[in-house]
């Protein structure tokens, strides 16, 4: 699979407007083209950030699916309303799995209640392609011993962007892992000093609450 981790900066107070439009119009329309939208989230500390995941079987199908969606009637009908909520939509990481992937989850219908869970996304800026091996060998046992089991491991996909109309970041090589906690009160932060010598910048830690229709709940 190929993943996009998309982090949008929205105009002040417009996040719920975009989420409502996104959940009503854009999820099924995107998935009808062959992609998946496994997760959509409100950032806890950043009230004007909307973060979501999009996934494709491979880079070739990514190009075809994006051409179909962005050239299709749903996006054409609602793009102005969506774009009117956004200050920036270019913070996008193109990623591939660095470990087993979770099975797809059922998506709740429109009107579902907000889930209680918290997802924490940690982004490491790294100095080489073997960082994933280091993480699995040395960091993963420490996390599991502390009761924190990652639900998804991802690393930079180095392939050329096959849909340049939507930019992705080319300024970063990253390793990303996601953890899920049943409630924010159960969140645990685990120190992983063995990774620091291999990082080129301080890690980014995003605390995310799933939206009502996020399949990751």
Protein backbone atom coordinates (compact mmCIF):
# COMPACT_ATOMS: atom_id res chain seq x y z
CA UNK A 1 0.00 0.00 0.00
CA UNK A 2 0.93 3.64 -0.47
CA UNK A 3 -0.23 6.10 2.19
CA UNK A 4 -0.58 9.84 2.31
CA UNK A 5 -0.49 11.53 5.72
CA UNK A 6 -2.24 14.81 4.97
CA UNK A 7 -2.13 17.67 7.50
CA UNK A 8 -4.19 20.72 6.56
CA UNK A 9 -3.99 24.15 8.15
CA UNK A 10 -7.46 25.68 8.04
CA UNK A 11 -8.69 29.21 8.36
CA UNK A 12 -9.65 30.08 11.95
CA UNK A 13 -12.89 28.46 13.02
CA UNK A 14 -13.43 26.54 9.77
CA UNK A 15 -12.39 23.03 10.82
CA UNK A 16 -15.86 21.70 11.62
CA UNK A 17 -17.16 23.13 8.34
CA UNK A 18 -14.58 21.16 6.37
CA UNK A 19 -15.09 17.98 8.40
CA UNK A 20 -18.83 18.10 7.84
CA UNK A 21 -18.34 18.51 4.08
CA UNK A 22 -15.60 15.87 4.01
CA UNK A 23 -17.67 13.24 5.81
CA UNK A 24 -20.82 13.94 3.86
CA UNK A 25 -19.40 14.22 0.33
CA UNK A 26 -15.79 13.13 -0.04
CA UNK A 27 -15.22 9.79 1.70
CA UNK A 28 -17.35 7.46 -0.42
CA UNK A 29 -16.60 9.44 -3.57
CA UNK A 30 -12.87 8.88 -3.08
CA UNK A 31 -13.20 5.24 -2.14
CA UNK A 32 -15.33 4.61 -5.24
CA UNK A 33 -12.20 5.30 -7.30
CA UNK A 34 -10.20 2.51 -5.60
CA UNK A 35 -8.46 4.36 -2.77
CA UNK A 36 -9.19 4.08 0.97
CA UNK A 37 -9.69 6.80 3.57
CA UNK A 38 -8.87 4.91 6.78
CA UNK A 39 -8.61 7.80 9.20
CA UNK A 40 -9.66 11.44 9.68
CA UNK A 41 -8.86 13.44 12.80
CA UNK A 42 -9.03 16.68 14.73
CA UNK A 43 -5.68 17.64 16.22
CA UNK A 44 -5.97 18.21 19.96
CA UNK A 45 -3.40 21.00 20.41
CA UNK A 46 -3.98 22.71 17.05
CA UNK A 47 -7.60 23.83 16.71
CA UNK A 48 -7.19 24.73 13.04
CA UNK A 49 -5.53 21.49 11.91
CA UNK A 50 -7.32 18.66 10.11
CA UNK A 51 -5.24 15.51 9.61
CA UNK A 52 -6.20 12.45 7.59
CA UNK A 53 -4.85 9.32 5.96
CA UNK A 54 -5.44 8.18 2.41
CA UNK A 55 -4.23 4.83 1.01
CA UNK A 56 -3.75 3.27 -2.43
CA UNK A 57 -2.71 -0.21 -3.62
CA UNK A 58 0.35 1.22 -5.46
CA UNK A 59 1.66 4.33 -7.18
CA UNK A 60 0.06 3.50 -10.52
CA UNK A 61 -3.41 3.13 -9.03
CA UNK A 62 -2.81 6.26 -6.95
CA UNK A 63 -2.44 8.28 -10.14
CA UNK A 64 -5.57 6.77 -11.68
CA UNK A 65 -7.68 7.21 -8.53
CA UNK A 66 -6.65 10.81 -8.00
CA UNK A 67 -7.27 11.69 -11.63
CA UNK A 68 -10.72 10.11 -11.36
CA UNK A 69 -11.70 11.85 -8.13
CA UNK A 70 -10.31 15.33 -8.83
CA UNK A 71 -11.65 15.25 -12.37
CA UNK A 72 -15.02 13.90 -11.24
CA UNK A 73 -18.35 15.54 -10.46
CA UNK A 74 -18.20 15.41 -6.64
CA UNK A 75 -14.96 17.36 -6.33
CA UNK A 76 -16.02 19.77 -9.07
CA UNK A 77 -19.27 20.47 -7.21
CA UNK A 78 -17.72 21.01 -3.78
CA UNK A 79 -14.11 22.08 -4.33
CA UNK A 80 -14.81 25.80 -3.89
CA UNK A 81 -16.49 25.18 -0.53
CA UNK A 82 -13.62 22.93 0.59
CA UNK A 83 -10.88 25.27 -0.59
CA UNK A 84 -12.59 28.20 1.14
CA UNK A 85 -11.81 26.59 4.53
CA UNK A 86 -8.09 26.08 3.88
CA UNK A 87 -5.00 28.19 4.49
CA UNK A 88 -2.59 25.43 3.42
CA UNK A 89 -3.01 21.85 2.17
CA UNK A 90 0.57 21.05 1.06
CA UNK A 91 1.89 19.37 4.24
CA UNK A 92 1.64 15.85 2.81
CA UNK A 93 3.95 12.89 3.46
CA UNK A 94 4.03 10.07 0.91
CA UNK A 95 4.61 6.84 2.84
CA UNK A 96 4.74 3.06 2.58
CA UNK A 97 4.27 0.39 5.26
CA UNK A 98 7.28 -0.49 7.42
CA UNK A 99 5.52 -3.39 9.15
CA UNK A 100 2.23 -5.31 9.19
CA UNK A 101 -0.86 -3.31 8.31
CA UNK A 102 -4.10 -3.48 10.29
CA UNK A 103 -7.16 -4.96 8.63
CA UNK A 104 -9.58 -2.37 7.20
CA UNK A 105 -12.26 -1.34 9.67
CA UNK A 106 -15.93 -0.72 9.02
CA UNK A 107 -16.90 2.92 8.67
CA UNK A 108 -19.77 4.28 10.77
CA UNK A 109 -22.65 6.03 9.02
CA UNK A 110 -23.39 9.74 8.90
CA UNK A 111 -24.64 10.79 12.33
CA UNK A 112 -22.47 8.36 14.31
CA UNK A 113 -21.23 9.63 17.70
CA UNK A 114 -17.66 10.71 18.19
CA UNK A 115 -15.44 7.88 19.46
CA UNK A 116 -13.65 8.17 22.79
CA UNK A 117 -10.24 7.13 21.48
CA UNK A 118 -7.02 9.08 21.00
CA UNK A 119 -4.43 8.38 18.31
CA UNK A 120 -0.86 9.59 18.69
CA UNK A 121 1.24 9.96 15.55
CA UNK A 122 5.00 10.28 16.01
CA UNK A 123 7.04 11.50 13.04
CA UNK A 124 10.82 11.03 13.10
CA UNK A 125 13.01 12.82 10.58
CA UNK A 126 15.72 10.23 9.94
CA UNK A 127 19.13 9.86 8.31
CA UNK A 128 18.74 6.58 6.45
CA UNK A 129 16.49 3.88 5.06
CA UNK A 130 17.41 1.37 7.79
CA UNK A 131 15.74 3.39 10.57
CA UNK A 132 12.71 1.10 10.38
CA UNK A 133 14.87 -1.91 11.20
CA UNK A 134 16.36 -0.07 14.19
CA UNK A 135 12.88 0.85 15.40
CA UNK A 136 11.59 -2.72 15.15
CA UNK A 137 14.67 -4.19 16.80
CA UNK A 138 15.25 -1.77 19.68
CA UNK A 139 12.27 0.54 20.17
CA UNK A 140 9.36 -1.81 19.58
CA UNK A 141 10.17 -4.13 22.52
CA UNK A 142 10.38 -1.10 24.83
CA UNK A 143 7.02 0.18 23.65
CA UNK A 144 5.33 -3.18 23.97
CA UNK A 145 6.82 -3.62 27.43
CA UNK A 146 5.19 -0.32 28.41
CA UNK A 147 1.84 -1.44 27.02
CA UNK A 148 1.99 0.74 23.90
CA UNK A 149 1.64 -1.32 20.73
CA UNK A 150 1.87 0.62 17.46
CA UNK A 151 -1.08 0.07 15.14
CA UNK A 152 0.79 1.16 12.00
CA UNK A 153 4.43 1.75 11.00
CA UNK A 154 5.22 3.86 7.93
CA UNK A 155 8.30 5.23 6.19
CA UNK A 156 8.96 7.58 3.29
CA UNK A 157 7.97 6.29 -0.15
CA UNK A 158 10.78 7.54 -2.41
CA UNK A 159 8.92 7.15 -5.72
CA UNK A 160 8.25 10.23 -7.80
CA UNK A 161 4.89 11.85 -7.17
CA UNK A 162 2.64 10.50 -9.94
CA UNK A 163 0.02 13.23 -9.45
CA UNK A 164 2.02 16.49 -9.28
CA UNK A 165 -1.16 18.57 -9.23
CA UNK A 166 -1.18 17.68 -5.51
CA UNK A 167 2.30 18.28 -4.07
CA UNK A 168 3.92 16.02 -1.49
CA UNK A 169 6.85 16.93 0.69
CA UNK A 170 10.23 16.20 -0.87
CA UNK A 171 12.21 17.87 1.92
CA UNK A 172 11.97 15.05 4.45
CA UNK A 173 12.84 11.39 4.94
CA UNK A 174 10.65 10.20 7.79
CA UNK A 175 9.56 7.25 9.86
CA UNK A 176 6.04 7.41 11.32
CA UNK A 177 4.27 5.27 13.90
CA UNK A 178 0.73 5.43 15.19
CA UNK A 179 -0.54 4.35 18.60
CA UNK A 180 -4.14 4.10 19.76
CA UNK A 181 -5.44 4.69 23.29
CA UNK A 182 -9.01 3.89 24.31
CA UNK A 183 -9.34 7.31 25.97
CA UNK A 184 -7.01 10.32 26.32
CA UNK A 185 -6.61 9.47 30.00
CA UNK A 186 -4.93 6.19 29.02
CA UNK A 187 -2.27 7.89 26.89
CA UNK A 188 1.33 7.00 27.74
CA UNK A 189 4.47 8.60 26.38
CA UNK A 190 7.51 6.32 26.27
CA UNK A 191 11.06 7.64 26.05
CA UNK A 192 13.07 6.05 23.22
CA UNK A 193 16.60 7.48 23.56
CA UNK A 194 18.12 4.81 21.31
CA UNK A 195 16.53 6.55 18.30
CA UNK A 196 17.85 10.05 18.94
CA UNK A 197 21.30 9.61 17.31
CA UNK A 198 19.60 8.66 14.04
CA UNK A 199 17.22 11.63 13.92
CA UNK A 200 17.96 14.83 12.04
CA UNK A 201 15.34 16.92 13.87
CA UNK A 202 13.22 16.65 17.01
CA UNK A 203 10.31 14.23 16.55
CA UNK A 204 6.83 15.59 15.87
CA UNK A 205 4.07 14.22 18.08
CA UNK A 206 0.50 14.72 16.90
CA UNK A 207 -2.39 13.96 19.28
CA UNK A 208 -5.49 13.20 17.24
CA UNK A 209 -9.14 12.61 18.02
CA UNK A 210 -11.02 10.62 15.34
CA UNK A 211 -13.89 12.33 13.59
CA UNK A 212 -17.33 10.73 13.72
CA UNK A 213 -16.95 8.74 10.49
CA UNK A 214 -13.27 7.83 10.77
CA UNK A 215 -12.80 4.09 10.22
CA UNK A 216 -9.86 4.30 12.64
CA UNK A 217 -11.82 4.72 15.87
